[in-house]
N, C-alpha and C. Protein backbone atom coordinates (compact mmCIF):
# COMPACT_ATOMS: atom_id res chain seq x y z
N MET A 1 -16.54 51.71 28.36
CA MET A 1 -17.80 52.11 27.26
C MET A 1 -17.97 51.26 26.45
N LYS A 2 -19.29 50.69 26.58
CA LYS A 2 -19.63 49.61 25.51
C LYS A 2 -20.76 49.87 24.51
N ARG A 3 -20.10 49.75 23.21
CA ARG A 3 -20.74 50.39 22.14
C ARG A 3 -21.70 49.80 21.77
N GLU A 4 -23.08 49.97 21.50
CA GLU A 4 -24.27 49.36 21.32
C GLU A 4 -24.64 49.40 19.93
N ASP A 5 -24.25 50.23 19.10
CA ASP A 5 -24.56 50.61 17.73
C ASP A 5 -23.62 49.97 17.10
N ARG A 6 -23.49 48.62 17.06
CA ARG A 6 -22.61 48.08 16.34
C ARG A 6 -23.34 47.27 14.82
N ALA A 7 -22.62 47.38 14.07
CA ALA A 7 -23.15 46.93 12.83
C ALA A 7 -22.82 45.56 12.92
N LEU A 8 -24.01 44.90 11.51
CA LEU A 8 -24.10 43.59 11.77
C LEU A 8 -22.73 42.95 10.75
N PRO A 9 -21.98 41.72 11.63
CA PRO A 9 -20.97 41.45 10.58
C PRO A 9 -21.37 40.88 9.05
N PHE A 10 -20.53 40.57 8.41
CA PHE A 10 -20.67 40.30 6.88
C PHE A 10 -20.90 38.94 6.70
N VAL A 11 -21.43 38.26 6.11
CA VAL A 11 -21.58 36.77 5.80
C VAL A 11 -20.88 36.66 4.97
N PRO A 12 -20.05 35.53 4.84
CA PRO A 12 -19.02 35.17 3.43
C PRO A 12 -19.68 34.48 3.12
N THR A 13 -20.03 34.21 1.70
CA THR A 13 -20.57 33.63 1.10
C THR A 13 -19.59 32.83 -0.28
N GLU A 14 -18.26 33.17 -0.61
CA GLU A 14 -17.68 32.26 -1.06
C GLU A 14 -16.02 33.10 -0.28
N ILE A 15 -14.78 32.51 -0.70
CA ILE A 15 -14.01 32.98 -0.32
C ILE A 15 -12.51 32.32 -1.24
N HIS A 16 -11.91 33.05 -1.90
CA HIS A 16 -10.57 33.07 -3.07
C HIS A 16 -9.52 33.10 -2.59
N VAL A 17 -8.44 32.86 -2.55
CA VAL A 17 -6.82 33.07 -2.22
C VAL A 17 -6.02 33.09 -3.60
N GLY A 18 -4.85 33.97 -3.73
CA GLY A 18 -4.70 34.11 -4.88
C GLY A 18 -2.96 35.04 -4.30
N THR A 19 -2.03 35.47 -5.12
CA THR A 19 -0.79 35.83 -4.96
C THR A 19 -0.59 37.10 -5.79
N VAL A 20 -0.03 38.03 -5.31
CA VAL A 20 0.41 38.94 -6.58
C VAL A 20 1.86 39.10 -6.05
N GLU A 21 2.95 39.36 -7.58
CA GLU A 21 4.05 39.39 -7.04
C GLU A 21 4.70 41.33 -7.57
N ASP A 22 5.43 41.60 -6.88
CA ASP A 22 6.07 42.78 -7.29
C ASP A 22 7.59 42.97 -7.22
N ASP A 23 8.45 44.05 -7.27
CA ASP A 23 9.70 43.51 -6.92
C ASP A 23 9.84 43.91 -5.79
N LYS A 24 9.14 44.12 -5.00
CA LYS A 24 9.24 44.00 -3.49
C LYS A 24 9.15 42.82 -2.63
N GLY A 25 8.32 41.72 -3.74
CA GLY A 25 8.31 40.51 -3.34
C GLY A 25 6.77 40.29 -3.28
N THR A 26 6.14 39.12 -2.87
CA THR A 26 4.98 38.37 -2.85
C THR A 26 4.43 38.70 -1.75
N LEU A 27 2.78 38.87 -2.22
CA LEU A 27 1.58 38.92 -0.96
C LEU A 27 0.51 37.79 -1.43
N GLY A 28 0.04 37.75 -0.32
CA GLY A 28 -1.33 36.83 -0.59
C GLY A 28 -2.29 37.73 -0.57
N ILE A 29 -3.33 37.39 -1.20
CA ILE A 29 -4.87 37.75 -1.69
C ILE A 29 -5.98 37.00 -1.11
N LEU A 30 -6.55 37.47 0.20
CA LEU A 30 -7.85 36.73 0.50
C LEU A 30 -8.90 37.68 0.10
N SER A 31 -9.77 36.85 -1.12
CA SER A 31 -10.57 37.72 -1.35
C SER A 31 -11.94 36.79 -0.67
N ILE A 32 -13.35 37.68 -0.09
CA ILE A 32 -14.03 37.15 0.68
C ILE A 32 -15.29 38.07 0.05
N GLN A 33 -15.98 37.30 -0.55
CA GLN A 33 -17.42 37.66 -1.08
C GLN A 33 -18.50 37.63 0.11
N THR A 34 -18.74 38.69 0.19
CA THR A 34 -20.02 38.51 1.31
C THR A 34 -21.35 39.40 0.88
N THR A 35 -22.32 39.03 1.87
CA THR A 35 -23.43 39.92 1.36
C THR A 35 -23.80 40.86 1.12
N GLU A 36 -22.75 41.55 1.52
CA GLU A 36 -22.76 43.04 1.66
C GLU A 36 -21.88 43.42 0.21
N GLY A 37 -20.80 42.68 -0.38
CA GLY A 37 -19.95 42.96 -1.37
C GLY A 37 -18.96 41.78 -1.00
N LEU A 38 -17.82 42.42 -1.92
CA LEU A 38 -15.97 41.81 -1.94
C LEU A 38 -15.22 42.68 -0.82
N LEU A 39 -14.84 41.84 -0.28
CA LEU A 39 -13.47 42.03 0.56
C LEU A 39 -12.55 41.65 0.27
N GLU A 40 -11.21 42.20 -0.15
CA GLU A 40 -10.24 41.99 -0.28
C GLU A 40 -8.92 42.51 0.70
N ILE A 41 -8.21 41.39 1.15
CA ILE A 41 -7.06 41.99 2.06
C ILE A 41 -5.79 40.89 1.48
N ALA A 42 -4.87 42.23 1.51
CA ALA A 42 -3.55 41.58 1.07
C ALA A 42 -3.04 41.17 2.43
N LEU A 43 -1.99 39.97 2.58
CA LEU A 43 -1.22 39.74 3.55
C LEU A 43 0.16 39.37 3.35
N ASP A 44 0.92 39.67 4.01
CA ASP A 44 2.23 39.42 3.77
C ASP A 44 2.55 37.92 5.21
N GLU A 45 3.32 37.74 4.79
CA GLU A 45 3.76 36.24 6.11
C GLU A 45 3.33 36.66 7.40
N HIS A 46 3.69 37.76 7.89
CA HIS A 46 3.43 38.07 9.34
C HIS A 46 1.65 38.12 9.22
N ALA A 47 1.17 39.09 8.55
CA ALA A 47 -0.36 38.91 8.56
C ALA A 47 -0.78 37.73 8.56
N ALA A 48 -0.66 36.79 7.83
CA ALA A 48 -0.83 35.23 7.15
C ALA A 48 -1.03 34.63 8.42
N ASP A 49 0.07 34.63 9.08
CA ASP A 49 0.15 34.01 10.50
C ASP A 49 -0.75 34.22 11.58
N ALA A 50 -0.90 36.00 11.66
CA ALA A 50 -1.78 36.77 12.75
C ALA A 50 -3.23 35.90 12.19
N ILE A 51 -3.49 36.14 11.06
CA ILE A 51 -4.67 35.57 10.89
C ILE A 51 -4.92 33.57 11.05
N LEU A 52 -4.35 33.30 10.82
CA LEU A 52 -4.10 31.82 10.63
C LEU A 52 -4.36 31.58 12.74
N ASN A 53 -3.66 32.31 13.22
CA ASN A 53 -4.13 32.57 14.87
C ASN A 53 -5.24 32.32 15.16
N ALA A 54 -6.11 33.61 14.48
CA ALA A 54 -7.18 34.21 14.75
C ALA A 54 -8.15 33.05 14.44
N VAL A 55 -7.87 32.47 13.75
CA VAL A 55 -8.94 31.96 13.16
C VAL A 55 -8.88 30.20 13.73
N GLY A 56 -7.61 30.32 14.54
CA GLY A 56 -7.48 28.54 15.34
C GLY A 56 -8.25 28.82 16.15
N ALA A 57 -8.31 30.21 17.14
CA ALA A 57 -8.70 30.62 18.21
C ALA A 57 -10.38 30.71 18.16
N ILE A 58 -10.86 30.88 16.97
CA ILE A 58 -12.27 31.27 17.00
C ILE A 58 -12.95 29.57 16.55
N LYS A 59 -12.29 28.99 15.57
CA LYS A 59 -12.25 27.22 15.78
C LYS A 59 -12.21 26.84 17.22
N ALA A 60 -11.64 26.79 18.01
CA ALA A 60 -11.74 26.32 19.43
C ALA A 60 -12.66 26.42 20.14
N LYS A 61 -13.26 27.98 20.11
CA LYS A 61 -14.01 28.30 20.88
C LYS A 61 -15.80 27.84 20.23
N LEU A 62 -15.34 27.26 18.55
CA LEU A 62 -16.82 26.80 18.36
C LEU A 62 -16.79 25.30 18.13
N ASN A 63 -15.76 24.74 18.46
CA ASN A 63 -15.95 23.09 18.96
C ASN A 63 -14.83 22.69 20.11
N PRO A 64 -15.61 22.99 20.98
CA PRO A 64 -14.53 23.05 22.33
C PRO A 64 -13.80 21.54 22.68
N THR A 65 -14.44 20.66 22.04
CA THR A 65 -14.34 18.98 22.69
C THR A 65 -12.64 18.91 22.35
């Protein structure tokens, strides 16, 4: 079943990165200001690797040469 009532994607206007630490370790924080508001994502090492792979796949499709 194909969903036809999708929301429009958020358009990034700024991207910032940082880290936070606690007694369990360090997390990376990816903050993306969008046209609809702020989106903040906490990433451990495995999630950061997954994001890198996803962005690499998108980039390859944007510039296939």
